[in-house]
N, C-alpha and C. Protein backbone atom coordinates (compact mmCIF):
# COMPACT_ATOMS: atom_id res chain seq x y z
N UNK A 1 -74.68 -131.04 -34.31
CA UNK A 1 -74.71 -130.23 -35.52
C UNK A 1 -75.95 -129.35 -35.55
N UNK A 2 -77.07 -129.87 -35.04
CA UNK A 2 -78.31 -129.09 -35.03
C UNK A 2 -78.16 -127.86 -34.13
N UNK A 3 -77.46 -128.02 -33.03
CA UNK A 3 -77.28 -126.90 -32.09
C UNK A 3 -76.43 -125.81 -32.74
N UNK A 4 -75.40 -126.21 -33.42
CA UNK A 4 -74.54 -125.24 -34.10
C UNK A 4 -75.31 -124.48 -35.17
N UNK A 5 -76.16 -125.16 -35.90
CA UNK A 5 -76.98 -124.52 -36.93
C UNK A 5 -77.96 -123.54 -36.31
N UNK A 6 -78.57 -123.92 -35.18
CA UNK A 6 -79.51 -123.03 -34.50
C UNK A 6 -78.80 -121.78 -33.99
N UNK A 7 -77.62 -121.96 -33.41
CA UNK A 7 -76.87 -120.81 -32.91
C UNK A 7 -76.47 -119.87 -34.06
N UNK A 8 -76.09 -120.44 -35.18
CA UNK A 8 -75.73 -119.63 -36.33
C UNK A 8 -76.93 -118.84 -36.84
N UNK A 9 -78.09 -119.47 -36.89
CA UNK A 9 -79.30 -118.77 -37.35
C UNK A 9 -79.71 -117.66 -36.38
N UNK A 10 -79.59 -117.92 -35.09
CA UNK A 10 -79.92 -116.88 -34.10
C UNK A 10 -78.97 -115.70 -34.24
N UNK A 11 -77.69 -115.97 -34.41
CA UNK A 11 -76.72 -114.90 -34.58
C UNK A 11 -76.99 -114.11 -35.86
N UNK A 12 -77.36 -114.80 -36.91
CA UNK A 12 -77.67 -114.15 -38.18
C UNK A 12 -78.91 -113.27 -38.06
N UNK A 13 -79.92 -113.76 -37.38
CA UNK A 13 -81.14 -112.96 -37.17
C UNK A 13 -80.85 -111.72 -36.33
N UNK A 14 -80.03 -111.89 -35.29
CA UNK A 14 -79.67 -110.74 -34.46
C UNK A 14 -78.93 -109.70 -35.29
N UNK A 15 -78.08 -110.14 -36.16
CA UNK A 15 -77.30 -109.24 -36.99
C UNK A 15 -78.20 -108.41 -37.90
N UNK A 16 -79.22 -109.06 -38.50
CA UNK A 16 -80.06 -108.34 -39.45
C UNK A 16 -81.17 -107.54 -38.81
N UNK A 17 -81.70 -107.97 -37.67
CA UNK A 17 -82.86 -107.30 -37.11
C UNK A 17 -82.56 -106.32 -36.00
N UNK A 18 -81.43 -106.41 -35.38
CA UNK A 18 -81.08 -105.44 -34.35
C UNK A 18 -80.36 -104.26 -34.98
N UNK A 19 -80.44 -103.15 -34.33
CA UNK A 19 -79.78 -101.95 -34.81
C UNK A 19 -78.28 -102.17 -34.86
N UNK A 20 -77.66 -101.78 -35.97
CA UNK A 20 -76.22 -101.97 -36.13
C UNK A 20 -75.44 -101.19 -35.08
N UNK A 21 -75.91 -100.01 -34.71
CA UNK A 21 -75.21 -99.23 -33.69
C UNK A 21 -75.24 -99.92 -32.34
N UNK A 22 -76.31 -100.64 -32.07
CA UNK A 22 -76.42 -101.33 -30.80
C UNK A 22 -75.42 -102.49 -30.72
N UNK A 23 -75.12 -103.08 -31.86
CA UNK A 23 -74.21 -104.23 -31.87
C UNK A 23 -72.74 -103.84 -31.89
N UNK A 24 -72.38 -102.79 -32.62
CA UNK A 24 -70.98 -102.55 -32.91
C UNK A 24 -70.40 -101.26 -32.35
N UNK A 25 -71.17 -100.42 -31.71
CA UNK A 25 -70.59 -99.17 -31.24
C UNK A 25 -71.07 -98.84 -29.85
N UNK A 26 -70.39 -97.87 -29.26
CA UNK A 26 -70.74 -97.40 -27.93
C UNK A 26 -72.00 -96.55 -28.05
N UNK A 27 -72.94 -96.75 -27.14
CA UNK A 27 -74.14 -95.94 -27.14
C UNK A 27 -73.75 -94.54 -26.68
N UNK A 28 -74.09 -93.57 -27.49
CA UNK A 28 -73.70 -92.21 -27.18
C UNK A 28 -74.90 -91.30 -27.40
N UNK A 29 -75.52 -90.86 -26.32
CA UNK A 29 -76.66 -89.98 -26.41
C UNK A 29 -76.16 -88.55 -26.40
N UNK A 30 -76.65 -87.76 -27.32
CA UNK A 30 -76.21 -86.38 -27.41
C UNK A 30 -76.84 -85.55 -26.31
N UNK A 31 -76.06 -84.68 -25.70
CA UNK A 31 -76.55 -83.80 -24.66
C UNK A 31 -77.00 -82.47 -25.26
N UNK A 32 -76.89 -82.34 -26.57
CA UNK A 32 -77.27 -81.13 -27.27
C UNK A 32 -78.61 -81.30 -27.95
N UNK A 33 -79.43 -80.27 -27.89
CA UNK A 33 -80.70 -80.28 -28.63
C UNK A 33 -80.87 -78.93 -29.30
N UNK A 34 -81.54 -78.93 -30.43
CA UNK A 34 -81.77 -77.68 -31.15
C UNK A 34 -82.68 -76.77 -30.34
N UNK A 35 -82.33 -75.50 -30.31
CA UNK A 35 -83.11 -74.51 -29.58
C UNK A 35 -83.68 -73.53 -30.60
N UNK A 36 -84.92 -73.78 -30.99
CA UNK A 36 -85.53 -72.92 -32.00
C UNK A 36 -86.21 -71.70 -31.38
N UNK A 37 -86.21 -71.60 -30.06
CA UNK A 37 -86.88 -70.50 -29.39
C UNK A 37 -86.03 -69.25 -29.22
N UNK A 38 -84.98 -69.11 -29.99
CA UNK A 38 -84.12 -67.94 -29.88
C UNK A 38 -84.79 -66.78 -30.61
N UNK A 39 -84.86 -65.65 -29.94
CA UNK A 39 -85.48 -64.47 -30.54
C UNK A 39 -84.49 -63.83 -31.51
N UNK A 40 -84.86 -63.78 -32.78
CA UNK A 40 -83.95 -63.26 -33.80
C UNK A 40 -84.36 -61.88 -34.29
N UNK A 41 -85.29 -61.25 -33.62
CA UNK A 41 -85.71 -59.92 -34.04
C UNK A 41 -84.68 -58.90 -33.57
N UNK A 42 -84.26 -58.07 -34.48
CA UNK A 42 -83.26 -57.05 -34.18
C UNK A 42 -83.97 -55.78 -33.76
N UNK A 43 -84.15 -55.58 -32.45
CA UNK A 43 -84.82 -54.39 -31.96
C UNK A 43 -83.83 -53.28 -31.66
N UNK A 44 -82.57 -53.60 -31.54
CA UNK A 44 -81.53 -52.62 -31.26
C UNK A 44 -80.76 -52.35 -32.56
N UNK A 45 -80.72 -51.08 -32.97
CA UNK A 45 -80.07 -50.76 -34.24
C UNK A 45 -78.55 -50.93 -34.18
N UNK A 46 -77.97 -50.94 -32.97
CA UNK A 46 -76.52 -51.10 -32.83
C UNK A 46 -76.10 -52.56 -32.72
N UNK A 47 -77.07 -53.43 -32.58
CA UNK A 47 -76.80 -54.86 -32.40
C UNK A 47 -76.74 -55.55 -33.75
N UNK A 48 -75.71 -56.34 -33.95
CA UNK A 48 -75.54 -57.07 -35.21
C UNK A 48 -75.91 -58.52 -34.96
N UNK A 49 -76.81 -59.04 -35.77
CA UNK A 49 -77.22 -60.44 -35.67
C UNK A 49 -76.83 -61.18 -36.94
N UNK A 50 -76.42 -62.42 -36.81
CA UNK A 50 -76.07 -63.19 -38.01
C UNK A 50 -77.31 -63.54 -38.83
N UNK A 51 -77.12 -63.73 -40.11
CA UNK A 51 -78.23 -64.10 -40.97
C UNK A 51 -78.61 -65.57 -40.82
N UNK A 52 -77.60 -66.39 -40.56
CA UNK A 52 -77.83 -67.83 -40.45
C UNK A 52 -77.07 -68.34 -39.23
N UNK A 53 -77.73 -69.10 -38.38
CA UNK A 53 -77.09 -69.67 -37.20
C UNK A 53 -77.91 -70.86 -36.71
N UNK A 54 -77.33 -71.59 -35.80
CA UNK A 54 -78.00 -72.74 -35.20
C UNK A 54 -77.88 -72.60 -33.69
N UNK A 55 -79.01 -72.47 -33.04
CA UNK A 55 -79.01 -72.38 -31.59
C UNK A 55 -79.10 -73.77 -30.97
N UNK A 56 -78.29 -74.03 -29.95
CA UNK A 56 -78.28 -75.31 -29.27
C UNK A 56 -78.50 -75.12 -27.78
N UNK A 57 -79.10 -76.11 -27.17
CA UNK A 57 -79.32 -76.11 -25.73
C UNK A 57 -78.58 -77.31 -25.14
N UNK A 58 -77.86 -77.08 -24.06
CA UNK A 58 -77.06 -78.13 -23.41
C UNK A 58 -77.81 -78.69 -22.21
N UNK A 59 -77.92 -80.02 -22.14
CA UNK A 59 -78.46 -80.66 -20.95
C UNK A 59 -77.29 -80.77 -19.97
N UNK A 60 -77.21 -79.80 -19.07
CA UNK A 60 -76.03 -79.65 -18.21
C UNK A 60 -75.84 -80.83 -17.26
N UNK A 61 -76.93 -81.36 -16.70
CA UNK A 61 -76.80 -82.50 -15.77
C UNK A 61 -76.23 -83.73 -16.48
N UNK A 62 -76.69 -84.00 -17.67
CA UNK A 62 -76.17 -85.15 -18.43
C UNK A 62 -74.71 -84.93 -18.80
N UNK A 63 -74.37 -83.69 -19.17
CA UNK A 63 -73.00 -83.38 -19.54
C UNK A 63 -72.06 -83.54 -18.35
N UNK A 64 -72.50 -83.10 -17.18
CA UNK A 64 -71.69 -83.29 -15.96
C UNK A 64 -71.49 -84.77 -15.66
N UNK A 65 -72.56 -85.57 -15.81
CA UNK A 65 -72.44 -87.01 -15.56
C UNK A 65 -71.44 -87.66 -16.51
N UNK A 66 -71.46 -87.23 -17.75
CA UNK A 66 -70.51 -87.77 -18.73
C UNK A 66 -69.08 -87.41 -18.34
N UNK A 67 -68.86 -86.15 -17.98
CA UNK A 67 -67.52 -85.73 -17.60
C UNK A 67 -67.05 -86.39 -16.32
N UNK A 68 -67.96 -86.59 -15.35
CA UNK A 68 -67.58 -87.24 -14.09
C UNK A 68 -67.26 -88.72 -14.27
N UNK A 69 -67.79 -89.32 -15.32
CA UNK A 69 -67.52 -90.75 -15.55
C UNK A 69 -66.35 -90.98 -16.49
N UNK A 70 -65.64 -89.92 -16.85
CA UNK A 70 -64.50 -90.07 -17.76
C UNK A 70 -63.39 -90.89 -17.09
N UNK A 71 -62.77 -91.79 -17.82
CA UNK A 71 -61.70 -92.62 -17.24
C UNK A 71 -60.40 -91.82 -17.09
N UNK A 72 -59.51 -92.31 -16.24
CA UNK A 72 -58.21 -91.68 -16.08
C UNK A 72 -57.36 -91.89 -17.33
N UNK A 73 -56.53 -90.91 -17.60
CA UNK A 73 -55.65 -90.99 -18.76
C UNK A 73 -54.70 -92.18 -18.60
N UNK A 74 -54.43 -92.86 -19.67
CA UNK A 74 -53.53 -94.02 -19.75
C UNK A 74 -54.05 -95.24 -18.99
N UNK A 75 -55.31 -95.27 -18.60
CA UNK A 75 -55.87 -96.46 -17.95
C UNK A 75 -56.38 -97.42 -19.02
N UNK A 76 -56.61 -98.68 -18.63
CA UNK A 76 -57.14 -99.66 -19.57
C UNK A 76 -58.52 -99.24 -20.07
N UNK A 77 -59.32 -98.67 -19.19
CA UNK A 77 -60.67 -98.24 -19.57
C UNK A 77 -60.64 -97.12 -20.61
N UNK A 78 -59.66 -96.24 -20.53
CA UNK A 78 -59.59 -95.15 -21.51
C UNK A 78 -59.21 -95.67 -22.89
N UNK A 79 -58.52 -96.80 -22.93
CA UNK A 79 -58.13 -97.39 -24.21
C UNK A 79 -59.24 -98.28 -24.75
N UNK A 80 -59.82 -99.12 -23.88
CA UNK A 80 -60.81 -100.10 -24.32
C UNK A 80 -62.18 -99.50 -24.58
N UNK A 81 -62.64 -98.58 -23.74
CA UNK A 81 -63.94 -97.95 -23.95
C UNK A 81 -63.84 -96.47 -23.60
N UNK A 82 -63.30 -95.68 -24.53
CA UNK A 82 -63.07 -94.27 -24.25
C UNK A 82 -64.38 -93.49 -24.10
N UNK A 83 -64.33 -92.45 -23.31
CA UNK A 83 -65.47 -91.56 -23.14
C UNK A 83 -65.43 -90.53 -24.27
N UNK A 84 -66.55 -90.36 -24.95
CA UNK A 84 -66.62 -89.47 -26.09
C UNK A 84 -67.70 -88.42 -25.83
N UNK A 85 -67.36 -87.15 -26.09
CA UNK A 85 -68.36 -86.09 -26.01
C UNK A 85 -68.46 -85.43 -27.37
N UNK A 86 -69.59 -84.78 -27.60
CA UNK A 86 -69.78 -84.03 -28.83
C UNK A 86 -69.85 -82.55 -28.48
N UNK A 87 -69.13 -81.74 -29.26
CA UNK A 87 -69.13 -80.30 -29.07
C UNK A 87 -69.50 -79.63 -30.40
N UNK A 88 -70.28 -78.55 -30.33
CA UNK A 88 -70.68 -77.87 -31.56
C UNK A 88 -69.51 -77.14 -32.22
N UNK A 89 -69.51 -77.17 -33.52
CA UNK A 89 -68.49 -76.50 -34.33
C UNK A 89 -69.09 -75.27 -35.00
N UNK A 90 -68.25 -74.35 -35.45
CA UNK A 90 -68.76 -73.13 -36.08
C UNK A 90 -69.63 -73.36 -37.32
N UNK A 91 -69.44 -74.48 -38.02
CA UNK A 91 -70.24 -74.73 -39.21
C UNK A 91 -71.60 -75.35 -38.89
N UNK A 92 -71.90 -75.55 -37.59
CA UNK A 92 -73.20 -76.09 -37.18
C UNK A 92 -73.19 -77.58 -36.92
N UNK A 93 -72.11 -78.26 -37.23
CA UNK A 93 -72.03 -79.70 -36.99
C UNK A 93 -71.55 -79.98 -35.57
N UNK A 94 -71.63 -81.23 -35.19
CA UNK A 94 -71.11 -81.67 -33.89
C UNK A 94 -69.89 -82.56 -34.14
N UNK A 95 -68.80 -82.26 -33.46
CA UNK A 95 -67.58 -83.07 -33.58
C UNK A 95 -67.37 -83.87 -32.30
N UNK A 96 -66.82 -85.05 -32.45
CA UNK A 96 -66.60 -85.94 -31.32
C UNK A 96 -65.17 -85.78 -30.79
N UNK A 97 -65.05 -85.80 -29.45
CA UNK A 97 -63.77 -85.67 -28.78
C UNK A 97 -63.66 -86.73 -27.69
N UNK A 98 -62.46 -87.30 -27.54
CA UNK A 98 -62.20 -88.22 -26.45
C UNK A 98 -61.92 -87.42 -25.18
N UNK A 99 -62.47 -87.87 -24.05
CA UNK A 99 -62.29 -87.18 -22.78
C UNK A 99 -61.69 -88.14 -21.78
N UNK A 100 -60.63 -87.70 -21.10
CA UNK A 100 -60.04 -88.47 -20.01
C UNK A 100 -59.81 -87.55 -18.83
N UNK A 101 -59.76 -88.15 -17.65
CA UNK A 101 -59.44 -87.38 -16.46
C UNK A 101 -57.93 -87.35 -16.31
N UNK A 102 -57.41 -86.19 -15.92
CA UNK A 102 -55.97 -86.01 -15.80
C UNK A 102 -55.68 -85.27 -14.51
N UNK A 103 -54.76 -85.77 -13.72
CA UNK A 103 -54.39 -85.12 -12.47
C UNK A 103 -53.08 -84.37 -12.67
N UNK A 104 -53.11 -83.07 -12.42
CA UNK A 104 -51.92 -82.24 -12.60
C UNK A 104 -50.95 -82.38 -11.42
N UNK A 105 -51.47 -82.71 -10.24
CA UNK A 105 -50.64 -82.74 -9.03
C UNK A 105 -50.21 -84.17 -8.71
N UNK A 106 -49.11 -84.27 -8.01
CA UNK A 106 -48.68 -85.57 -7.51
C UNK A 106 -49.69 -86.02 -6.45
N UNK A 107 -49.86 -87.33 -6.25
CA UNK A 107 -50.85 -87.82 -5.29
C UNK A 107 -50.64 -87.28 -3.86
N UNK A 108 -49.39 -87.18 -3.42
CA UNK A 108 -49.13 -86.68 -2.07
C UNK A 108 -49.54 -85.22 -1.91
N UNK A 109 -49.24 -84.42 -2.90
CA UNK A 109 -49.58 -83.01 -2.87
C UNK A 109 -51.10 -82.81 -3.03
N UNK A 110 -51.71 -83.64 -3.84
CA UNK A 110 -53.16 -83.55 -4.02
C UNK A 110 -53.91 -83.91 -2.74
N UNK A 111 -53.36 -84.83 -1.94
CA UNK A 111 -54.01 -85.18 -0.67
C UNK A 111 -53.87 -84.06 0.35
N UNK A 112 -52.77 -83.29 0.28
CA UNK A 112 -52.58 -82.15 1.19
C UNK A 112 -53.49 -80.98 0.82
N UNK A 113 -53.70 -80.77 -0.47
CA UNK A 113 -54.50 -79.63 -0.97
C UNK A 113 -55.61 -80.15 -1.86
N UNK A 114 -56.69 -80.62 -1.26
CA UNK A 114 -57.77 -81.20 -2.09
C UNK A 114 -58.49 -80.23 -2.93
C-alpha cells in the first residue's frame, strides 16, 4: 500500500509541476519567426505598401526536416502521431495543418522513373 501511495504522489507532482504541453501534446516547434527588419519606407511613388502587416522569416532547414519526416498517408504513424506544420494566414495568425507523404505513381512505375 505504501508503494501505491508513493507512486500516486509522484504522478500527482509530475502533473502539477511539469509543463502541461510536455505531458499531453506533441512537441511542435515553430519554424516561423517574426522579421522586424523589413524596410517599410516608401521610396518609390508607384509602389503601394500596406499600412499594417506582419513579416515572417522561415527556417528553411527545419521546415525541410519536418516535411521529410512526414508519415505516409493511411499509415498507422499518420493516425497515431500525425505531422503538423504551421502556415501563416492573411490575418497574421498561424494555422496548423496535417502533413502526410503521398505517392502519385504506382510502385513499379516509380521504380522505373525515380
